[in-house]
Amino acid sequence: MRIINSHTHLMSKDDKTGYNGGIPELIRDMEKSGIEKSIILAGGKDQKPIKKLIEKIGKDKRFSFVYTMDLSKNIKKQEKEIDYLFKSGDIKGVKVELGYNYIMPDDKKLFGIYNVCLKYDLPVIFHTGDTLAGVVDKPKLIYSHPINIDSLAVEFPKLK
């Protein structure tokens, strides 16, 4: 049976929200646990920069990457970066952390990102449901409630 870790974070600082070991430690733990592949969610505010990870381990077939949006930075610039990374095949999707960024999934600021995902027929992943209160500063559940995805689904019915 194939085992795939579908949600791995490599953090840029020592905290409790992701895998704090380095790449060699991750590979060791994958081998020890029988994990064939890890999908690494990278970027965002506190995670290791995605471009550096792609440069370092991007050709290793044991890893795929999902770009985590940093909504405190220029979204249009990230949209262009995501387009480039999709085109090059370096990433397989985009993640938006709703409750940590106080943004609804149908916010027009994100429509450009969705259009890039549609262009390449690749998914957007949303952090919905519970948040890490006490670990991440002041998350708000109102933004990460799964029902909020419904409005986006009406606006973008072909978005994965």
N, C-alpha and C. Protein backbone atom coordinates (compact mmCIF):
# COMPACT_ATOMS: atom_id res chain seq x y z
N MET A 1 0.85 -1.17 0.00
CA MET A 1 0.00 0.00 0.00
C MET A 1 0.89 1.24 0.00
N ARG A 2 0.55 2.22 -0.85
CA ARG A 2 1.28 3.48 -0.90
C ARG A 2 0.81 4.39 0.22
N ILE A 3 1.76 5.02 0.90
CA ILE A 3 1.43 5.99 1.94
C ILE A 3 1.95 7.35 1.48
N ILE A 4 1.03 8.33 1.43
CA ILE A 4 1.38 9.69 1.03
C ILE A 4 0.99 10.62 2.16
N ASN A 5 1.94 11.41 2.62
CA ASN A 5 1.67 12.45 3.61
C ASN A 5 1.18 13.66 2.83
N SER A 6 -0.09 13.97 2.95
CA SER A 6 -0.69 15.01 2.11
C SER A 6 -0.62 16.41 2.71
N HIS A 7 0.04 16.56 3.86
CA HIS A 7 0.03 17.88 4.50
C HIS A 7 1.27 18.05 5.38
N THR A 8 2.38 18.48 4.76
CA THR A 8 3.62 18.67 5.48
C THR A 8 4.01 20.14 5.42
N HIS A 9 4.33 20.72 6.57
CA HIS A 9 4.87 22.08 6.63
C HIS A 9 6.30 21.99 7.14
N LEU A 10 7.20 22.69 6.50
CA LEU A 10 8.57 22.85 6.99
C LEU A 10 8.67 24.30 7.44
N MET A 11 8.85 24.49 8.74
CA MET A 11 8.78 25.84 9.28
C MET A 11 10.14 26.53 9.26
N SER A 12 10.11 27.85 9.13
CA SER A 12 11.35 28.61 9.11
C SER A 12 11.80 29.01 10.50
N LYS A 13 10.95 28.80 11.47
CA LYS A 13 11.33 29.03 12.86
C LYS A 13 10.77 27.91 13.72
N ASP A 14 11.29 27.77 14.90
CA ASP A 14 10.86 26.69 15.78
C ASP A 14 9.52 27.03 16.42
N ASP A 15 8.46 26.40 15.97
CA ASP A 15 7.15 26.61 16.57
C ASP A 15 6.36 25.31 16.53
N LYS A 16 5.09 25.36 16.88
CA LYS A 16 4.29 24.15 17.02
C LYS A 16 3.33 23.93 15.86
N THR A 17 3.47 24.67 14.77
CA THR A 17 2.49 24.54 13.69
C THR A 17 2.95 23.69 12.53
N GLY A 18 4.14 23.12 12.60
CA GLY A 18 4.61 22.31 11.47
C GLY A 18 5.82 21.48 11.83
N TYR A 19 6.36 20.81 10.83
CA TYR A 19 7.51 19.94 11.00
C TYR A 19 8.77 20.80 11.13
N ASN A 20 9.42 20.74 12.29
CA ASN A 20 10.55 21.62 12.55
C ASN A 20 11.90 21.03 12.16
N GLY A 21 11.91 19.76 11.80
CA GLY A 21 13.16 19.16 11.35
C GLY A 21 13.52 19.68 9.97
N GLY A 22 14.75 19.49 9.55
CA GLY A 22 15.15 19.86 8.21
C GLY A 22 14.80 18.78 7.22
N ILE A 23 15.22 18.98 6.00
CA ILE A 23 14.92 18.02 4.93
C ILE A 23 15.52 16.65 5.20
N PRO A 24 16.78 16.56 5.65
CA PRO A 24 17.32 15.21 5.93
C PRO A 24 16.51 14.48 7.01
N GLU A 25 16.06 15.22 8.02
CA GLU A 25 15.25 14.60 9.08
C GLU A 25 13.89 14.17 8.54
N LEU A 26 13.31 14.97 7.65
CA LEU A 26 12.03 14.60 7.04
C LEU A 26 12.18 13.32 6.23
N ILE A 27 13.23 13.24 5.43
CA ILE A 27 13.47 12.03 4.63
C ILE A 27 13.67 10.82 5.53
N ARG A 28 14.45 10.99 6.59
CA ARG A 28 14.68 9.88 7.53
C ARG A 28 13.35 9.42 8.13
N ASP A 29 12.53 10.37 8.57
CA ASP A 29 11.25 10.02 9.18
C ASP A 29 10.29 9.38 8.17
N MET A 30 10.33 9.85 6.92
CA MET A 30 9.50 9.24 5.88
C MET A 30 9.90 7.78 5.67
N GLU A 31 11.19 7.53 5.57
CA GLU A 31 11.68 6.16 5.35
C GLU A 31 11.32 5.27 6.54
N LYS A 32 11.51 5.80 7.73
CA LYS A 32 11.20 5.05 8.95
C LYS A 32 9.71 4.70 9.04
N SER A 33 8.86 5.59 8.55
CA SER A 33 7.41 5.40 8.65
C SER A 33 6.79 4.76 7.42
N GLY A 34 7.60 4.50 6.40
CA GLY A 34 7.07 3.91 5.18
C GLY A 34 6.30 4.88 4.31
N ILE A 35 6.58 6.17 4.43
CA ILE A 35 5.91 7.18 3.62
C ILE A 35 6.65 7.32 2.29
N GLU A 36 5.91 7.12 1.22
CA GLU A 36 6.50 7.15 -0.11
C GLU A 36 6.66 8.57 -0.65
N LYS A 37 5.73 9.45 -0.29
CA LYS A 37 5.72 10.80 -0.85
C LYS A 37 5.16 11.77 0.18
N SER A 38 5.68 13.00 0.17
CA SER A 38 5.14 14.08 1.02
C SER A 38 4.78 15.27 0.15
N ILE A 39 3.61 15.80 0.41
CA ILE A 39 3.20 17.04 -0.25
C ILE A 39 3.52 18.16 0.72
N ILE A 40 4.44 19.03 0.31
CA ILE A 40 4.93 20.09 1.18
C ILE A 40 4.19 21.38 0.86
N LEU A 41 3.54 21.93 1.89
CA LEU A 41 2.89 23.23 1.78
C LEU A 41 3.90 24.25 2.24
N ALA A 42 4.35 25.12 1.33
CA ALA A 42 5.46 26.02 1.63
C ALA A 42 5.12 27.45 1.23
N GLY A 43 5.82 28.37 1.85
CA GLY A 43 5.58 29.78 1.63
C GLY A 43 4.87 30.32 2.85
N GLY A 44 3.90 31.18 2.66
CA GLY A 44 3.17 31.74 3.79
C GLY A 44 4.07 32.56 4.70
N LYS A 45 3.54 32.95 5.84
CA LYS A 45 4.28 33.85 6.75
C LYS A 45 5.46 33.19 7.44
N ASP A 46 5.29 32.00 7.99
CA ASP A 46 6.31 31.40 8.84
C ASP A 46 6.94 30.14 8.25
N GLN A 47 6.55 29.78 7.05
CA GLN A 47 7.06 28.54 6.47
C GLN A 47 8.30 28.82 5.62
N LYS A 48 9.07 27.78 5.40
CA LYS A 48 10.27 27.95 4.58
C LYS A 48 9.87 28.44 3.19
N PRO A 49 10.68 29.33 2.61
CA PRO A 49 10.36 29.87 1.27
C PRO A 49 10.29 28.75 0.23
N ILE A 50 9.23 28.78 -0.56
CA ILE A 50 8.99 27.70 -1.52
C ILE A 50 10.07 27.62 -2.58
N LYS A 51 10.57 28.76 -3.06
CA LYS A 51 11.59 28.73 -4.11
C LYS A 51 12.86 28.04 -3.63
N LYS A 52 13.25 28.28 -2.39
CA LYS A 52 14.45 27.64 -1.85
C LYS A 52 14.25 26.13 -1.73
N LEU A 53 13.07 25.72 -1.31
CA LEU A 53 12.79 24.28 -1.21
C LEU A 53 12.78 23.62 -2.58
N ILE A 54 12.19 24.29 -3.56
CA ILE A 54 12.14 23.73 -4.91
C ILE A 54 13.56 23.60 -5.46
N GLU A 55 14.40 24.61 -5.23
CA GLU A 55 15.80 24.54 -5.69
C GLU A 55 16.53 23.38 -5.02
N LYS A 56 16.26 23.18 -3.75
CA LYS A 56 16.99 22.17 -2.98
C LYS A 56 16.51 20.75 -3.23
N ILE A 57 15.19 20.55 -3.29
CA ILE A 57 14.66 19.17 -3.38
C ILE A 57 13.59 18.99 -4.46
N GLY A 58 13.43 20.00 -5.32
CA GLY A 58 12.35 19.97 -6.31
C GLY A 58 12.39 18.83 -7.30
N LYS A 59 13.55 18.27 -7.58
CA LYS A 59 13.65 17.17 -8.55
C LYS A 59 13.47 15.80 -7.88
N ASP A 60 13.41 15.79 -6.56
CA ASP A 60 13.24 14.54 -5.82
C ASP A 60 11.77 14.12 -5.91
N LYS A 61 11.51 13.01 -6.54
CA LYS A 61 10.14 12.55 -6.80
C LYS A 61 9.35 12.23 -5.53
N ARG A 62 10.03 12.21 -4.38
CA ARG A 62 9.32 11.96 -3.12
C ARG A 62 8.54 13.17 -2.65
N PHE A 63 8.71 14.32 -3.33
CA PHE A 63 8.09 15.56 -2.87
C PHE A 63 7.32 16.25 -3.98
N SER A 64 6.17 16.81 -3.59
CA SER A 64 5.40 17.74 -4.43
C SER A 64 5.15 18.97 -3.57
N PHE A 65 4.90 20.09 -4.23
CA PHE A 65 4.77 21.36 -3.50
C PHE A 65 3.43 22.04 -3.77
N VAL A 66 2.90 22.64 -2.72
CA VAL A 66 1.73 23.50 -2.79
C VAL A 66 2.15 24.86 -2.25
N TYR A 67 1.84 25.91 -2.99
CA TYR A 67 2.20 27.28 -2.63
C TYR A 67 1.21 27.81 -1.60
N THR A 68 1.70 28.20 -0.42
CA THR A 68 0.84 28.81 0.60
C THR A 68 0.91 30.32 0.44
N MET A 69 -0.24 30.94 0.25
CA MET A 69 -0.31 32.40 0.07
C MET A 69 0.13 33.12 1.35
N ASP A 70 0.83 34.21 1.19
CA ASP A 70 1.12 35.13 2.30
C ASP A 70 0.30 36.38 2.02
N LEU A 71 -0.88 36.44 2.62
CA LEU A 71 -1.82 37.51 2.31
C LEU A 71 -1.43 38.85 2.94
N SER A 72 -0.34 38.87 3.70
CA SER A 72 0.16 40.15 4.22
C SER A 72 1.08 40.82 3.19
N LYS A 73 1.38 40.10 2.10
CA LYS A 73 2.24 40.63 1.04
C LYS A 73 1.43 40.86 -0.23
N ASN A 74 2.06 41.39 -1.25
CA ASN A 74 1.44 41.75 -2.51
C ASN A 74 0.83 40.52 -3.19
N ILE A 75 -0.49 40.48 -3.30
CA ILE A 75 -1.19 39.33 -3.88
C ILE A 75 -0.96 39.25 -5.39
N LYS A 76 -0.95 40.39 -6.08
CA LYS A 76 -0.72 40.40 -7.54
C LYS A 76 0.66 39.84 -7.88
N LYS A 77 1.66 40.17 -7.07
CA LYS A 77 3.01 39.65 -7.29
C LYS A 77 3.02 38.13 -7.10
N GLN A 78 2.31 37.65 -6.07
CA GLN A 78 2.23 36.21 -5.83
C GLN A 78 1.47 35.51 -6.95
N GLU A 79 0.48 36.18 -7.49
CA GLU A 79 -0.28 35.63 -8.62
C GLU A 79 0.66 35.34 -9.80
N LYS A 80 1.55 36.28 -10.10
CA LYS A 80 2.52 36.09 -11.20
C LYS A 80 3.49 34.95 -10.86
N GLU A 81 3.91 34.90 -9.60
CA GLU A 81 4.83 33.84 -9.18
C GLU A 81 4.15 32.47 -9.29
N ILE A 82 2.90 32.40 -8.87
CA ILE A 82 2.14 31.14 -8.95
C ILE A 82 1.97 30.71 -10.40
N ASP A 83 1.67 31.66 -11.29
CA ASP A 83 1.53 31.35 -12.71
C ASP A 83 2.83 30.74 -13.23
N TYR A 84 3.95 31.35 -12.91
CA TYR A 84 5.26 30.84 -13.34
C TYR A 84 5.52 29.43 -12.78
N LEU A 85 5.23 29.24 -11.49
CA LEU A 85 5.50 27.94 -10.84
C LEU A 85 4.57 26.84 -11.36
N PHE A 86 3.32 27.19 -11.70
CA PHE A 86 2.42 26.22 -12.33
C PHE A 86 2.95 25.85 -13.72
N LYS A 87 3.30 26.88 -14.50
CA LYS A 87 3.79 26.66 -15.86
C LYS A 87 5.03 25.77 -15.87
N SER A 88 5.93 25.97 -14.91
CA SER A 88 7.16 25.19 -14.84
C SER A 88 6.93 23.79 -14.25
N GLY A 89 5.75 23.57 -13.68
CA GLY A 89 5.44 22.28 -13.08
C GLY A 89 5.98 22.12 -11.66
N ASP A 90 6.48 23.22 -11.08
CA ASP A 90 7.09 23.14 -9.76
C ASP A 90 6.08 23.04 -8.61
N ILE A 91 4.87 23.53 -8.81
CA ILE A 91 3.84 23.41 -7.76
C ILE A 91 2.61 22.73 -8.33
N LYS A 92 1.84 22.15 -7.42
CA LYS A 92 0.65 21.38 -7.82
C LYS A 92 -0.65 21.98 -7.30
N GLY A 93 -0.56 23.12 -6.59
CA GLY A 93 -1.75 23.76 -6.06
C GLY A 93 -1.38 24.97 -5.24
N VAL A 94 -2.42 25.64 -4.72
CA VAL A 94 -2.27 26.84 -3.90
C VAL A 94 -3.10 26.66 -2.64
N LYS A 95 -2.55 27.12 -1.50
CA LYS A 95 -3.28 27.06 -0.25
C LYS A 95 -3.55 28.47 0.27
N VAL A 96 -4.78 28.68 0.76
CA VAL A 96 -5.18 29.96 1.37
C VAL A 96 -5.61 29.66 2.80
N GLU A 97 -4.99 30.33 3.75
CA GLU A 97 -5.32 30.16 5.17
C GLU A 97 -6.30 31.27 5.56
N LEU A 98 -7.56 30.94 5.56
CA LEU A 98 -8.62 31.93 5.72
C LEU A 98 -8.68 32.55 7.12
N GLY A 99 -8.79 31.72 8.14
CA GLY A 99 -8.98 32.21 9.51
C GLY A 99 -7.78 32.93 10.10
N TYR A 100 -6.60 32.69 9.54
CA TYR A 100 -5.39 33.36 10.03
C TYR A 100 -5.19 34.70 9.33
N ASN A 101 -5.88 34.90 8.21
CA ASN A 101 -5.70 36.11 7.43
C ASN A 101 -6.95 37.00 7.37
N TYR A 102 -8.01 36.58 8.05
CA TYR A 102 -9.25 37.35 8.10
C TYR A 102 -9.76 37.68 6.70
N ILE A 103 -9.89 36.62 5.89
CA ILE A 103 -10.37 36.82 4.52
C ILE A 103 -11.37 35.71 4.18
N MET A 104 -12.41 36.09 3.48
CA MET A 104 -13.40 35.12 3.01
C MET A 104 -12.93 34.53 1.68
N PRO A 105 -13.29 33.29 1.40
CA PRO A 105 -12.83 32.67 0.15
C PRO A 105 -13.34 33.37 -1.11
N ASP A 106 -14.47 34.10 -1.02
CA ASP A 106 -15.00 34.78 -2.20
C ASP A 106 -14.59 36.26 -2.26
N ASP A 107 -13.54 36.63 -1.52
CA ASP A 107 -13.03 38.00 -1.57
C ASP A 107 -12.42 38.25 -2.96
N LYS A 108 -12.81 39.34 -3.58
CA LYS A 108 -12.38 39.65 -4.94
C LYS A 108 -10.84 39.77 -5.07
N LYS A 109 -10.15 40.03 -3.96
CA LYS A 109 -8.68 40.10 -4.00
C LYS A 109 -8.05 38.77 -4.43
N LEU A 110 -8.79 37.68 -4.24
CA LEU A 110 -8.27 36.35 -4.55
C LEU A 110 -8.67 35.84 -5.94
N PHE A 111 -9.53 36.59 -6.63
CA PHE A 111 -10.04 36.11 -7.92
C PHE A 111 -8.93 35.88 -8.95
N GLY A 112 -7.90 36.71 -8.95
CA GLY A 112 -6.78 36.51 -9.89
C GLY A 112 -6.09 35.18 -9.65
N ILE A 113 -5.91 34.81 -8.38
CA ILE A 113 -5.30 33.52 -8.03
C ILE A 113 -6.18 32.39 -8.55
N TYR A 114 -7.48 32.51 -8.34
CA TYR A 114 -8.40 31.47 -8.80
C TYR A 114 -8.34 31.31 -10.33
N ASN A 115 -8.23 32.43 -11.03
CA ASN A 115 -8.16 32.37 -12.49
C ASN A 115 -6.88 31.67 -12.96
N VAL A 116 -5.78 31.88 -12.25
CA VAL A 116 -4.54 31.17 -12.59
C VAL A 116 -4.73 29.68 -12.34
N CYS A 117 -5.36 29.31 -11.25
CA CYS A 117 -5.62 27.89 -10.96
C CYS A 117 -6.52 27.27 -12.04
N LEU A 118 -7.52 28.01 -12.47
CA LEU A 118 -8.39 27.53 -13.55
C LEU A 118 -7.60 27.34 -14.85
N LYS A 119 -6.72 28.27 -15.15
CA LYS A 119 -5.91 28.22 -16.38
C LYS A 119 -5.11 26.91 -16.46
N TYR A 120 -4.59 26.45 -15.31
CA TYR A 120 -3.77 25.23 -15.28
C TYR A 120 -4.54 24.01 -14.77
N ASP A 121 -5.84 24.21 -14.46
CA ASP A 121 -6.69 23.14 -13.95
C ASP A 121 -6.10 22.49 -12.70
N LEU A 122 -5.61 23.34 -11.80
CA LEU A 122 -5.01 22.87 -10.55
C LEU A 122 -5.79 23.44 -9.36
N PRO A 123 -5.71 22.78 -8.21
CA PRO A 123 -6.61 23.12 -7.09
C PRO A 123 -6.15 24.26 -6.19
N VAL A 124 -7.16 24.80 -5.50
CA VAL A 124 -6.94 25.71 -4.38
C VAL A 124 -7.33 24.93 -3.14
N ILE A 125 -6.49 24.98 -2.13
CA ILE A 125 -6.76 24.31 -0.86
C ILE A 125 -7.04 25.41 0.16
N PHE A 126 -8.10 25.24 0.93
CA PHE A 126 -8.44 26.22 1.96
C PHE A 126 -8.31 25.59 3.33
N HIS A 127 -7.68 26.32 4.24
CA HIS A 127 -7.68 25.90 5.64
C HIS A 127 -9.04 26.31 6.18
N THR A 128 -9.90 25.32 6.37
CA THR A 128 -11.22 25.58 6.95
C THR A 128 -11.32 24.86 8.28
N GLY A 129 -12.36 25.17 9.01
CA GLY A 129 -12.56 24.52 10.30
C GLY A 129 -11.69 25.12 11.38
N ASP A 130 -11.31 24.28 12.32
CA ASP A 130 -10.58 24.74 13.51
C ASP A 130 -9.26 25.41 13.14
N THR A 131 -8.86 26.34 13.98
CA THR A 131 -7.59 27.04 13.83
C THR A 131 -6.75 26.77 15.07
N LEU A 132 -5.48 27.10 15.00
CA LEU A 132 -4.56 26.85 16.11
C LEU A 132 -4.53 28.04 17.07
N ALA A 133 -5.62 28.27 17.76
CA ALA A 133 -5.67 29.36 18.74
C ALA A 133 -4.63 29.12 19.81
N GLY A 134 -3.91 30.16 20.15
CA GLY A 134 -2.87 30.03 21.16
C GLY A 134 -1.51 29.75 20.56
N VAL A 135 -1.48 29.18 19.37
CA VAL A 135 -0.22 28.93 18.68
C VAL A 135 -0.02 29.98 17.60
N VAL A 136 -1.09 30.25 16.86
CA VAL A 136 -1.07 31.30 15.86
C VAL A 136 -1.86 32.47 16.42
N ASP A 137 -1.35 33.67 16.25
CA ASP A 137 -1.92 34.86 16.88
C ASP A 137 -3.32 35.19 16.37
N LYS A 138 -4.30 35.10 17.23
CA LYS A 138 -5.67 35.55 17.05
C LYS A 138 -6.39 35.07 15.78
N PRO A 139 -6.45 33.75 15.54
CA PRO A 139 -7.23 33.28 14.39
C PRO A 139 -8.72 33.50 14.64
N LYS A 140 -9.49 33.65 13.55
CA LYS A 140 -10.93 33.88 13.67
C LYS A 140 -11.69 32.82 12.87
N LEU A 141 -12.47 32.02 13.58
CA LEU A 141 -13.21 30.92 12.96
C LEU A 141 -14.26 31.39 11.95
N ILE A 142 -14.77 32.59 12.10
CA ILE A 142 -15.80 33.08 11.18
C ILE A 142 -15.32 33.01 9.73
N TYR A 143 -14.03 33.23 9.52
CA TYR A 143 -13.48 33.20 8.16
C TYR A 143 -13.22 31.78 7.66
N SER A 144 -12.97 30.87 8.57
CA SER A 144 -12.61 29.51 8.15
C SER A 144 -13.77 28.52 8.23
N HIS A 145 -14.97 29.01 8.40
CA HIS A 145 -16.13 28.12 8.42
C HIS A 145 -16.33 27.51 7.02
N PRO A 146 -16.45 26.19 6.92
CA PRO A 146 -16.57 25.53 5.60
C PRO A 146 -17.74 26.03 4.74
N ILE A 147 -18.82 26.53 5.35
CA ILE A 147 -19.96 27.00 4.56
C ILE A 147 -19.57 28.16 3.66
N ASN A 148 -18.50 28.89 4.02
CA ASN A 148 -18.07 30.03 3.22
C ASN A 148 -17.57 29.63 1.83
N ILE A 149 -17.22 28.38 1.65
CA ILE A 149 -16.75 27.90 0.35
C ILE A 149 -17.90 27.86 -0.66
N ASP A 150 -19.14 27.75 -0.16
CA ASP A 150 -20.31 27.68 -1.04
C ASP A 150 -20.41 28.88 -1.96
N SER A 151 -20.23 30.06 -1.44
CA SER A 151 -20.33 31.28 -2.25
C SER A 151 -19.27 31.29 -3.35
N LEU A 152 -18.07 30.84 -3.02
CA LEU A 152 -16.99 30.76 -4.01
C LEU A 152 -17.34 29.73 -5.09
N ALA A 153 -17.91 28.62 -4.68
CA ALA A 153 -18.28 27.56 -5.63
C ALA A 153 -19.31 28.07 -6.64
N VAL A 154 -20.17 28.97 -6.21
CA VAL A 154 -21.17 29.56 -7.12
C VAL A 154 -20.47 30.49 -8.12
N GLU A 155 -19.51 31.28 -7.65
CA GLU A 155 -18.78 32.22 -8.51
C GLU A 155 -17.81 31.50 -9.47
N PHE A 156 -17.21 30.41 -9.02
CA PHE A 156 -16.20 29.67 -9.79
C PHE A 156 -16.55 28.19 -9.83
N PRO A 157 -17.58 27.81 -10.56
CA PRO A 157 -18.03 26.40 -10.52
C PRO A 157 -17.02 25.39 -11.07
N LYS A 158 -16.04 25.81 -11.85
CA LYS A 158 -15.06 24.87 -12.40
C LYS A 158 -13.77 24.86 -11.61
N LEU A 159 -13.65 25.66 -10.58
CA LEU A 159 -12.45 25.70 -9.77
C LEU A 159 -12.36 24.45 -8.91
N LYS A 160 -11.20 23.82 -8.96
CA LYS A 160 -10.99 22.62 -8.12
C LYS A 160 -10.66 23.06 -6.72
